Amino acid sequence: MKLKRLTAEDFNRLADGTRLKPVARQLAYEVLVDGMSPSFVAKNAGLTAQRVALAVNVIEKAYFEDTDARLGWVSLELELPESLALHLDALTRSLKASGDSGALERANALVLKAIAEAGALLK
């Protein structure tokens, strides 16, 4: 699974827990929050794409190690069975359109419970 996008709030919370210098933090922010391509960010900063990737990787590592509740929006690159992907996409669009944070929390809890139950079936 690869992290693609984060909210500014989640990014800042994660970045505060790292030792990224201000320049590296800004590089990662431009990729993960602003949605710019790593090569574009590198070119604009006069740095290598590898330097940008290293900064992004620090935030990605912090994200996957984080155990705090996550209710912000994030984009991931993930392989799923097609039917599951279509349902999750439809659910995501509905949740974003509703703007109801209570519904988001309840739906999140239901989906997490269903995932845990499905995972138990596969063990």
C-alpha atoms as a PDB file:
ATOM      1  CA  MET A   1       0.000   0.000   0.000  1.00  0.00           C
ATOM      2  CA  LYS A   2       1.363   3.410  -0.957  1.00  0.00           C
ATOM      3  CA  LEU A   3       0.297   6.700   0.591  1.00  0.00           C
ATOM      4  CA  LYS A   4      -0.842   9.182  -2.051  1.00  0.00           C
ATOM      5  CA  ARG A   5      -2.529  12.124  -0.257  1.00  0.00           C
ATOM      6  CA  LEU A   6      -3.078  13.442   3.266  1.00  0.00           C
ATOM      7  CA  THR A   7      -5.001  16.316   4.771  1.00  0.00           C
ATOM      8  CA  ALA A   8      -2.852  19.234   5.897  1.00  0.00           C
ATOM      9  CA  GLU A   9      -3.892  18.558   9.494  1.00  0.00           C
ATOM     10  CA  ASP A  10      -2.824  14.902   9.384  1.00  0.00           C
ATOM     11  CA  PHE A  11       0.392  15.767   7.562  1.00  0.00           C
ATOM     12  CA  ASN A  12       1.374  18.366  10.145  1.00  0.00           C
ATOM     13  CA  ARG A  13       0.563  16.042  13.050  1.00  0.00           C
ATOM     14  CA  LEU A  14       2.731  13.311  11.536  1.00  0.00           C
ATOM     15  CA  ALA A  15       5.553  15.639  10.462  1.00  0.00           C
ATOM     16  CA  ASP A  16       5.732  17.122  13.974  1.00  0.00           C
ATOM     17  CA  GLY A  17       6.744  13.672  15.196  1.00  0.00           C
ATOM     18  CA  THR A  18       9.664  13.371  12.769  1.00  0.00           C
ATOM     19  CA  ARG A  19      13.077  14.989  12.548  1.00  0.00           C
ATOM     20  CA  LEU A  20      12.481  16.387   9.054  1.00  0.00           C
ATOM     21  CA  LYS A  21      14.154  19.730   8.451  1.00  0.00           C
ATOM     22  CA  PRO A  22      11.915  22.563   7.162  1.00  0.00           C
ATOM     23  CA  VAL A  23      13.001  22.143   3.508  1.00  0.00           C
ATOM     24  CA  ALA A  24      12.378  18.379   3.509  1.00  0.00           C
ATOM     25  CA  ARG A  25       9.066  18.881   5.289  1.00  0.00           C
ATOM     26  CA  GLN A  26       7.962  21.363   2.609  1.00  0.00           C
ATOM     27  CA  LEU A  27       8.955  18.943  -0.163  1.00  0.00           C
ATOM     28  CA  ALA A  28       6.867  16.165   1.369  1.00  0.00           C
ATOM     29  CA  TYR A  29       3.970  18.579   1.967  1.00  0.00           C
ATOM     30  CA  GLU A  30       3.886  19.618  -1.673  1.00  0.00           C
ATOM     31  CA  VAL A  31       3.653  15.977  -2.755  1.00  0.00           C
ATOM     32  CA  LEU A  32       1.316  14.549  -0.109  1.00  0.00           C
ATOM     33  CA  VAL A  33      -0.974  17.509   0.593  1.00  0.00           C
ATOM     34  CA  ASP A  34      -0.795  19.695  -2.500  1.00  0.00           C
ATOM     35  CA  GLY A  35      -0.769  16.671  -4.823  1.00  0.00           C
ATOM     36  CA  MET A  36       2.196  17.743  -6.927  1.00  0.00           C
ATOM     37  CA  SER A  37       4.321  15.097  -8.579  1.00  0.00           C
ATOM     38  CA  PRO A  38       7.648  14.332  -6.910  1.00  0.00           C
ATOM     39  CA  SER A  39       9.539  15.123 -10.112  1.00  0.00           C
ATOM     40  CA  PHE A  40       7.825  18.526 -10.401  1.00  0.00           C
ATOM     41  CA  VAL A  41       8.599  19.347  -6.757  1.00  0.00           C
ATOM     42  CA  ALA A  42      12.228  18.281  -7.219  1.00  0.00           C
ATOM     43  CA  LYS A  43      12.644  20.370 -10.353  1.00  0.00           C
ATOM     44  CA  ASN A  44      11.100  23.464  -8.716  1.00  0.00           C
ATOM     45  CA  ALA A  45      13.333  23.097  -5.668  1.00  0.00           C
ATOM     46  CA  GLY A  46      16.463  22.378  -7.711  1.00  0.00           C
ATOM     47  CA  LEU A  47      16.858  19.017  -5.973  1.00  0.00           C
ATOM     48  CA  THR A  48      16.855  15.402  -7.066  1.00  0.00           C
ATOM     49  CA  ALA A  49      13.716  13.296  -7.178  1.00  0.00           C
ATOM     50  CA  GLN A  50      15.472  10.941  -4.752  1.00  0.00           C
ATOM     51  CA  ARG A  51      15.681  13.745  -2.161  1.00  0.00           C
ATOM     52  CA  VAL A  52      11.941  14.368  -2.491  1.00  0.00           C
ATOM     53  CA  ALA A  53      11.204  10.643  -2.267  1.00  0.00           C
ATOM     54  CA  LEU A  54      13.218  10.379   0.944  1.00  0.00           C
ATOM     55  CA  ALA A  55      11.182  13.172   2.540  1.00  0.00           C
ATOM     56  CA  VAL A  56       7.898  11.592   1.426  1.00  0.00           C
ATOM     57  CA  ASN A  57       9.054   8.215   2.745  1.00  0.00           C
ATOM     58  CA  VAL A  58       9.641   9.673   6.218  1.00  0.00           C
ATOM     59  CA  ILE A  59       6.027  10.878   6.373  1.00  0.00           C
ATOM     60  CA  GLU A  60       4.732   7.636   4.857  1.00  0.00           C
ATOM     61  CA  LYS A  61       6.603   5.623   7.487  1.00  0.00           C
ATOM     62  CA  ALA A  62       5.193   7.820  10.255  1.00  0.00           C
ATOM     63  CA  TYR A  63       1.701   7.375   8.821  1.00  0.00           C
ATOM     64  CA  PHE A  64       1.836   3.584   8.816  1.00  0.00           C
ATOM     65  CA  GLU A  65       3.342   3.517  12.328  1.00  0.00           C
ATOM     66  CA  ASP A  66       0.749   5.945  13.693  1.00  0.00           C
ATOM     67  CA  THR A  67      -1.867   4.424  15.991  1.00  0.00           C
ATOM     68  CA  ASP A  68      -4.015   7.528  16.548  1.00  0.00           C
ATOM     69  CA  ALA A  69      -7.565   7.522  15.213  1.00  0.00           C
ATOM     70  CA  ARG A  70      -7.585   8.557  11.572  1.00  0.00           C
ATOM     71  CA  LEU A  71     -10.703  10.242  10.310  1.00  0.00           C
ATOM     72  CA  GLY A  72      -9.043  12.654   7.881  1.00  0.00           C
ATOM     73  CA  TRP A  73      -9.114  11.932   4.168  1.00  0.00           C
ATOM     74  CA  VAL A  74      -6.179  10.120   2.622  1.00  0.00           C
ATOM     75  CA  SER A  75      -5.557   8.704  -0.851  1.00  0.00           C
ATOM     76  CA  LEU A  76      -3.873   5.345  -1.232  1.00  0.00           C
ATOM     77  CA  GLU A  77      -2.776   3.167  -4.092  1.00  0.00           C
ATOM     78  CA  LEU A  78      -4.170  -0.250  -3.229  1.00  0.00           C
ATOM     79  CA  GLU A  79      -5.047  -3.479  -5.033  1.00  0.00           C
ATOM     80  CA  LEU A  80      -8.548  -4.770  -4.287  1.00  0.00           C
ATOM     81  CA  PRO A  81     -11.046  -7.127  -5.864  1.00  0.00           C
ATOM     82  CA  GLU A  82     -13.024  -5.044  -8.357  1.00  0.00           C
ATOM     83  CA  SER A  83     -16.411  -5.429  -6.653  1.00  0.00           C
ATOM     84  CA  LEU A  84     -14.965  -4.297  -3.321  1.00  0.00           C
ATOM     85  CA  ALA A  85     -13.181  -1.354  -4.940  1.00  0.00           C
ATOM     86  CA  LEU A  86     -16.395  -0.187  -6.625  1.00  0.00           C
ATOM     87  CA  HIS A  87     -18.360  -0.340  -3.374  1.00  0.00           C
ATOM     88  CA  LEU A  88     -15.656   1.467  -1.428  1.00  0.00           C
ATOM     89  CA  ASP A  89     -15.475   4.157  -4.095  1.00  0.00           C
ATOM     90  CA  ALA A  90     -19.237   4.698  -3.949  1.00  0.00           C
ATOM     91  CA  LEU A  91     -19.155   4.804  -0.136  1.00  0.00           C
ATOM     92  CA  THR A  92     -16.301   7.324  -0.182  1.00  0.00           C
ATOM     93  CA  ARG A  93     -18.149   9.630  -2.579  1.00  0.00           C
ATOM     94  CA  SER A  94     -21.304   9.450  -0.431  1.00  0.00           C
ATOM     95  CA  LEU A  95     -19.416  10.211   2.774  1.00  0.00           C
ATOM     96  CA  LYS A  96     -17.605  13.169   1.241  1.00  0.00           C
ATOM     97  CA  ALA A  97     -20.850  14.553  -0.166  1.00  0.00           C
ATOM     98  CA  SER A  98     -22.750  14.228   3.126  1.00  0.00           C
ATOM     99  CA  GLY A  99     -20.374  16.383   5.162  1.00  0.00           C
ATOM    100  CA  ASP A 100     -21.771  14.709   8.288  1.00  0.00           C
ATOM    101  CA  SER A 101     -18.870  13.928  10.637  1.00  0.00           C
ATOM    102  CA  GLY A 102     -21.104  11.746  12.815  1.00  0.00           C
ATOM    103  CA  ALA A 103     -22.068   9.634   9.822  1.00  0.00           C
ATOM    104  CA  LEU A 104     -18.405   9.389   8.840  1.00  0.00           C
ATOM    105  CA  GLU A 105     -17.477   8.084  12.293  1.00  0.00           C
ATOM    106  CA  ARG A 106     -20.353   5.569  12.361  1.00  0.00           C
ATOM    107  CA  ALA A 107     -19.650   4.349   8.829  1.00  0.00           C
ATOM    108  CA  ASN A 108     -15.944   4.083   9.614  1.00  0.00           C
ATOM    109  CA  ALA A 109     -16.699   1.958  12.678  1.00  0.00           C
ATOM    110  CA  LEU A 110     -19.035  -0.322  10.698  1.00  0.00           C
ATOM    111  CA  VAL A 111     -16.524  -0.817   7.887  1.00  0.00           C
ATOM    112  CA  LEU A 112     -13.677  -1.518  10.325  1.00  0.00           C
ATOM    113  CA  LYS A 113     -15.843  -4.100  12.111  1.00  0.00           C
ATOM    114  CA  ALA A 114     -16.730  -5.768   8.796  1.00  0.00           C
ATOM    115  CA  ILE A 115     -13.061  -5.839   7.755  1.00  0.00           C
ATOM    116  CA  ALA A 116     -12.070  -7.462  11.041  1.00  0.00           C
ATOM    117  CA  GLU A 117     -14.792 -10.093  10.627  1.00  0.00           C
ATOM    118  CA  ALA A 118     -13.773 -10.790   7.016  1.00  0.00           C
ATOM    119  CA  GLY A 119     -10.126 -11.065   8.069  1.00  0.00           C
ATOM    120  CA  ALA A 120     -11.058 -13.592  10.747  1.00  0.00           C
ATOM    121  CA  LEU A 121     -12.764 -15.743   8.107  1.00  0.00           C
ATOM    122  CA  LEU A 122      -9.546 -15.929   6.109  1.00  0.00           C
ATOM    123  CA  LYS A 123      -7.361 -17.134   8.984  1.00  0.00           C
END
